C-alpha atoms as a PDB file:
ATOM      1  CA  UNK A   1       4.404   9.899  -8.351  1.00  0.00           C
ATOM      2  CA  UNK A   2       6.775  11.653  -5.996  1.00  0.00           C
ATOM      3  CA  UNK A   3      10.291  10.357  -6.611  1.00  0.00           C
ATOM      4  CA  UNK A   4      10.817   9.360  -2.973  1.00  0.00           C
ATOM      5  CA  UNK A   5       7.915   6.877  -3.120  1.00  0.00           C
ATOM      6  CA  UNK A   6       9.479   3.677  -4.436  1.00  0.00           C
ATOM      7  CA  UNK A   7       6.397   1.517  -3.867  1.00  0.00           C
ATOM      8  CA  UNK A   8       2.804   2.127  -2.802  1.00  0.00           C
ATOM      9  CA  UNK A   9       1.187  -1.141  -1.760  1.00  0.00           C
ATOM     10  CA  UNK A  10      -2.232  -2.275  -0.628  1.00  0.00           C
ATOM     11  CA  UNK A  11      -1.686  -5.040   1.933  1.00  0.00           C
ATOM     12  CA  UNK A  12      -4.187  -5.590   4.714  1.00  0.00           C
ATOM     13  CA  UNK A  13      -1.484  -7.056   6.947  1.00  0.00           C
ATOM     14  CA  UNK A  14       0.516  -3.790   6.778  1.00  0.00           C
ATOM     15  CA  UNK A  15       4.043  -4.729   7.961  1.00  0.00           C
ATOM     16  CA  UNK A  16       4.777  -8.472   7.943  1.00  0.00           C
ATOM     17  CA  UNK A  17       7.492 -10.873   6.821  1.00  0.00           C
ATOM     18  CA  UNK A  18       7.131 -10.318   3.065  1.00  0.00           C
ATOM     19  CA  UNK A  19       7.465  -6.576   3.462  1.00  0.00           C
ATOM     20  CA  UNK A  20      10.104  -6.591   6.202  1.00  0.00           C
ATOM     21  CA  UNK A  21      12.316  -9.223   4.583  1.00  0.00           C
ATOM     22  CA  UNK A  22      11.709  -9.202   0.832  1.00  0.00           C
ATOM     23  CA  UNK A  23      10.510  -5.733  -0.163  1.00  0.00           C
ATOM     24  CA  UNK A  24      12.645  -3.599   2.154  1.00  0.00           C
ATOM     25  CA  UNK A  25      15.863  -5.331   1.095  1.00  0.00           C
ATOM     26  CA  UNK A  26      15.194  -5.514  -2.627  1.00  0.00           C
ATOM     27  CA  UNK A  27      14.078  -1.880  -2.889  1.00  0.00           C
ATOM     28  CA  UNK A  28      16.665  -0.536  -0.396  1.00  0.00           C
ATOM     29  CA  UNK A  29      13.999   1.231   1.660  1.00  0.00           C
ATOM     30  CA  UNK A  30      14.906   4.019   4.118  1.00  0.00           C
ATOM     31  CA  UNK A  31      11.379   4.509   5.485  1.00  0.00           C
ATOM     32  CA  UNK A  32       8.262   2.385   5.814  1.00  0.00           C
ATOM     33  CA  UNK A  33       5.132   4.499   5.928  1.00  0.00           C
ATOM     34  CA  UNK A  34       1.919   2.967   7.167  1.00  0.00           C
ATOM     35  CA  UNK A  35      -1.034   5.131   6.216  1.00  0.00           C
ATOM     36  CA  UNK A  36      -3.975   4.059   8.332  1.00  0.00           C
ATOM     37  CA  UNK A  37      -6.302   6.262  10.391  1.00  0.00           C
ATOM     38  CA  UNK A  38      -6.921   3.583  13.045  1.00  0.00           C
ATOM     39  CA  UNK A  39      -3.262   2.558  13.433  1.00  0.00           C
ATOM     40  CA  UNK A  40      -2.241   6.217  13.719  1.00  0.00           C
ATOM     41  CA  UNK A  41      -4.366   6.614  16.852  1.00  0.00           C
ATOM     42  CA  UNK A  42      -4.095   3.143  18.437  1.00  0.00           C
ATOM     43  CA  UNK A  43      -1.090   2.757  20.736  1.00  0.00           C
ATOM     44  CA  UNK A  44      -1.107  -1.059  20.763  1.00  0.00           C
ATOM     45  CA  UNK A  45      -1.121  -1.195  16.958  1.00  0.00           C
ATOM     46  CA  UNK A  46       1.738   1.333  16.793  1.00  0.00           C
ATOM     47  CA  UNK A  47       3.780  -0.864  19.140  1.00  0.00           C
ATOM     48  CA  UNK A  48       3.114  -3.963  17.016  1.00  0.00           C
ATOM     49  CA  UNK A  49       4.087  -2.129  13.814  1.00  0.00           C
ATOM     50  CA  UNK A  50       7.293  -0.811  15.420  1.00  0.00           C
ATOM     51  CA  UNK A  51       8.203  -4.366  16.428  1.00  0.00           C
ATOM     52  CA  UNK A  52       7.608  -5.601  12.865  1.00  0.00           C
ATOM     53  CA  UNK A  53       9.653  -2.830  11.247  1.00  0.00           C
ATOM     54  CA  UNK A  54      13.164  -3.968  10.270  1.00  0.00           C
ATOM     55  CA  UNK A  55      16.036  -2.482  12.247  1.00  0.00           C
ATOM     56  CA  UNK A  56      17.634   0.499  10.557  1.00  0.00           C
ATOM     57  CA  UNK A  57      14.445   1.432   8.679  1.00  0.00           C
ATOM     58  CA  UNK A  58      12.538   4.539   9.770  1.00  0.00           C
ATOM     59  CA  UNK A  59       8.827   4.101  10.410  1.00  0.00           C
ATOM     60  CA  UNK A  60       5.964   6.548  10.033  1.00  0.00           C
ATOM     61  CA  UNK A  61       2.421   5.609  11.092  1.00  0.00           C
ATOM     62  CA  UNK A  62       0.152   8.367   9.861  1.00  0.00           C
ATOM     63  CA  UNK A  63      -3.437   9.256   9.064  1.00  0.00           C
ATOM     64  CA  UNK A  64      -4.146   9.855   5.374  1.00  0.00           C
ATOM     65  CA  UNK A  65      -4.273  13.633   5.760  1.00  0.00           C
ATOM     66  CA  UNK A  66      -1.019  13.872   7.724  1.00  0.00           C
ATOM     67  CA  UNK A  67       0.791  11.488   5.341  1.00  0.00           C
ATOM     68  CA  UNK A  68      -0.249  13.447   2.263  1.00  0.00           C
ATOM     69  CA  UNK A  69       0.679  16.768   3.897  1.00  0.00           C
ATOM     70  CA  UNK A  70       4.122  15.427   4.858  1.00  0.00           C
ATOM     71  CA  UNK A  71       4.756  13.901   1.428  1.00  0.00           C
ATOM     72  CA  UNK A  72       3.552  16.934  -0.496  1.00  0.00           C
ATOM     73  CA  UNK A  73       5.692  19.257   1.651  1.00  0.00           C
ATOM     74  CA  UNK A  74       8.843  17.329   0.690  1.00  0.00           C
ATOM     75  CA  UNK A  75       9.495  16.117   4.230  1.00  0.00           C
ATOM     76  CA  UNK A  76      10.987  12.813   3.027  1.00  0.00           C
ATOM     77  CA  UNK A  77      13.020  14.171   0.121  1.00  0.00           C
ATOM     78  CA  UNK A  78      16.166  12.109  -0.390  1.00  0.00           C
ATOM     79  CA  UNK A  79      14.644   9.047   1.282  1.00  0.00           C
ATOM     80  CA  UNK A  80      13.330   5.866  -0.361  1.00  0.00           C
ATOM     81  CA  UNK A  81       9.805   5.471   1.031  1.00  0.00           C
ATOM     82  CA  UNK A  82       7.680   2.317   0.849  1.00  0.00           C
ATOM     83  CA  UNK A  83       4.031   3.111   1.614  1.00  0.00           C
ATOM     84  CA  UNK A  84       1.543   0.476   2.721  1.00  0.00           C
ATOM     85  CA  UNK A  85      -2.206   0.852   3.277  1.00  0.00           C
ATOM     86  CA  UNK A  86      -4.749  -1.764   4.393  1.00  0.00           C
ATOM     87  CA  UNK A  87      -7.254  -1.276   1.628  1.00  0.00           C
ATOM     88  CA  UNK A  88      -8.913   0.706  -1.106  1.00  0.00           C
ATOM     89  CA  UNK A  89     -10.707   3.021   1.318  1.00  0.00           C
ATOM     90  CA  UNK A  90      -7.377   4.487   2.453  1.00  0.00           C
ATOM     91  CA  UNK A  91      -6.042   4.542  -1.106  1.00  0.00           C
ATOM     92  CA  UNK A  92      -9.047   6.580  -2.203  1.00  0.00           C
ATOM     93  CA  UNK A  93      -8.624   8.862   0.796  1.00  0.00           C
ATOM     94  CA  UNK A  94      -4.977   9.718   0.035  1.00  0.00           C
ATOM     95  CA  UNK A  95      -5.836  10.393  -3.611  1.00  0.00           C
ATOM     96  CA  UNK A  96      -8.683  12.687  -2.529  1.00  0.00           C
ATOM     97  CA  UNK A  97      -6.278  14.426  -0.106  1.00  0.00           C
ATOM     98  CA  UNK A  98      -4.052  15.264  -3.072  1.00  0.00           C
ATOM     99  CA  UNK A  99      -1.360  12.595  -3.316  1.00  0.00           C
ATOM    100  CA  UNK A 100      -0.483  11.911  -6.938  1.00  0.00           C
ATOM    101  CA  UNK A 101       0.201   8.252  -7.616  1.00  0.00           C
ATOM    102  CA  UNK A 102       0.945   6.720 -10.965  1.00  0.00           C
ATOM    103  CA  UNK A 103       1.289   3.118  -9.814  1.00  0.00           C
ATOM    104  CA  UNK A 104      -0.109   1.018  -6.948  1.00  0.00           C
ATOM    105  CA  UNK A 105       0.856  -2.568  -6.133  1.00  0.00           C
ATOM    106  CA  UNK A 106      -2.121  -4.661  -4.986  1.00  0.00           C
ATOM    107  CA  UNK A 107      -0.829  -7.186  -2.456  1.00  0.00           C
ATOM    108  CA  UNK A 108      -2.598  -9.297   0.134  1.00  0.00           C
ATOM    109  CA  UNK A 109      -6.360  -8.870   0.543  1.00  0.00           C
ATOM    110  CA  UNK A 110      -7.919 -11.905   2.203  1.00  0.00           C
ATOM    111  CA  UNK A 111     -11.116 -13.575   1.114  1.00  0.00           C
ATOM    112  CA  UNK A 112     -14.301 -12.839   3.007  1.00  0.00           C
ATOM    113  CA  UNK A 113     -17.908 -13.808   2.414  1.00  0.00           C
ATOM    114  CA  UNK A 114     -18.571 -10.958  -0.033  1.00  0.00           C
ATOM    115  CA  UNK A 115     -15.294 -11.074  -1.988  1.00  0.00           C
ATOM    116  CA  UNK A 116     -14.334 -12.520  -5.319  1.00  0.00           C
ATOM    117  CA  UNK A 117     -11.022 -14.230  -5.974  1.00  0.00           C
ATOM    118  CA  UNK A 118      -8.721 -12.304  -8.319  1.00  0.00           C
ATOM    119  CA  UNK A 119      -5.424 -14.145  -7.798  1.00  0.00           C
ATOM    120  CA  UNK A 120      -3.510 -15.932  -5.050  1.00  0.00           C
ATOM    121  CA  UNK A 121      -3.890 -13.876  -1.843  1.00  0.00           C
ATOM    122  CA  UNK A 122      -5.948 -11.162  -3.580  1.00  0.00           C
ATOM    123  CA  UNK A 123      -9.722 -10.963  -3.210  1.00  0.00           C
ATOM    124  CA  UNK A 124     -11.920  -7.912  -3.696  1.00  0.00           C
ATOM    125  CA  UNK A 125     -15.272  -6.725  -2.447  1.00  0.00           C
ATOM    126  CA  UNK A 126     -17.675  -4.924  -4.787  1.00  0.00           C
ATOM    127  CA  UNK A 127     -16.612  -1.684  -3.041  1.00  0.00           C
ATOM    128  CA  UNK A 128     -12.917  -2.442  -3.690  1.00  0.00           C
ATOM    129  CA  UNK A 129     -13.655  -3.161  -7.323  1.00  0.00           C
ATOM    130  CA  UNK A 130     -15.515   0.138  -7.685  1.00  0.00           C
ATOM    131  CA  UNK A 131     -12.499   2.059  -6.311  1.00  0.00           C
ATOM    132  CA  UNK A 132     -10.081   0.229  -8.624  1.00  0.00           C
ATOM    133  CA  UNK A 133     -12.277   0.980 -11.635  1.00  0.00           C
ATOM    134  CA  UNK A 134     -12.764   4.617 -10.605  1.00  0.00           C
ATOM    135  CA  UNK A 135      -9.026   5.238 -10.166  1.00  0.00           C
ATOM    136  CA  UNK A 136      -7.750   3.058 -13.010  1.00  0.00           C
ATOM    137  CA  UNK A 137      -7.778   6.005 -15.420  1.00  0.00           C
ATOM    138  CA  UNK A 138      -5.254   7.821 -13.220  1.00  0.00           C
ATOM    139  CA  UNK A 139      -3.334   4.982 -11.563  1.00  0.00           C
ATOM    140  CA  UNK A 140      -1.741   1.867 -13.063  1.00  0.00           C
ATOM    141  CA  UNK A 141      -2.591  -1.054 -10.766  1.00  0.00           C
ATOM    142  CA  UNK A 142      -0.192  -3.968 -10.637  1.00  0.00           C
ATOM    143  CA  UNK A 143      -0.048  -7.074  -8.493  1.00  0.00           C
ATOM    144  CA  UNK A 144       3.144  -8.602  -7.204  1.00  0.00           C
ATOM    145  CA  UNK A 145       3.220 -10.480  -3.902  1.00  0.00           C
ATOM    146  CA  UNK A 146       7.020 -10.491  -3.544  1.00  0.00           C
ATOM    147  CA  UNK A 147       9.740  -8.747  -5.572  1.00  0.00           C
ATOM    148  CA  UNK A 148      10.804 -12.005  -7.257  1.00  0.00           C
ATOM    149  CA  UNK A 149       7.293 -12.560  -8.669  1.00  0.00           C
ATOM    150  CA  UNK A 150       6.540 -11.055 -12.066  1.00  0.00           C
ATOM    151  CA  UNK A 151       4.617  -7.783 -11.938  1.00  0.00           C
ATOM    152  CA  UNK A 152       1.215  -8.290 -13.570  1.00  0.00           C
ATOM    153  CA  UNK A 153      -1.490  -5.855 -14.644  1.00  0.00           C
ATOM    154  CA  UNK A 154      -4.087  -5.975 -11.878  1.00  0.00           C
ATOM    155  CA  UNK A 155      -6.949  -4.575 -13.950  1.00  0.00           C
ATOM    156  CA  UNK A 156      -6.482  -7.360 -16.515  1.00  0.00           C
ATOM    157  CA  UNK A 157      -6.718  -9.887 -13.664  1.00  0.00           C
ATOM    158  CA  UNK A 158      -9.802  -8.129 -12.324  1.00  0.00           C
ATOM    159  CA  UNK A 159     -11.450  -8.166 -15.730  1.00  0.00           C
ATOM    160  CA  UNK A 160     -10.618 -11.854 -16.182  1.00  0.00           C
ATOM    161  CA  UNK A 161     -12.190 -12.707 -12.809  1.00  0.00           C
ATOM    162  CA  UNK A 162     -15.646 -11.524 -13.939  1.00  0.00           C
END
């Protein structure tokens, strides 16, 4: 993983209290990067994300292609970047665009009618599970809701939830 990426997290809420208060402070983040195609082109969502971003932290709201291009060009060298995506679809997209990741933190994914419970605040659809299994040979998936929680192996949790 690029050295400037200090955490890559799946969290459908994008920027919220846990990220703004707990993660940014504990990891000493310089830049929050939201990678989301819809947010990148929706003005109202950009405004909401800017309001949620802690003061003094830079914010990038980018499409997968633009984010990967910027990261791979070294644009954020010397910064500590925390990346958040809504779900596995975007994760898969950035990997296909050429971003090398060795570790991804699976955060909040709410339960829906077609999801299975994996752990507190983490539920997956069959499509999510397929992406995790497909990428698990290249990426180590962990789950940690806040920095003070122990980091656990997400694939072990997924296997146990069968």
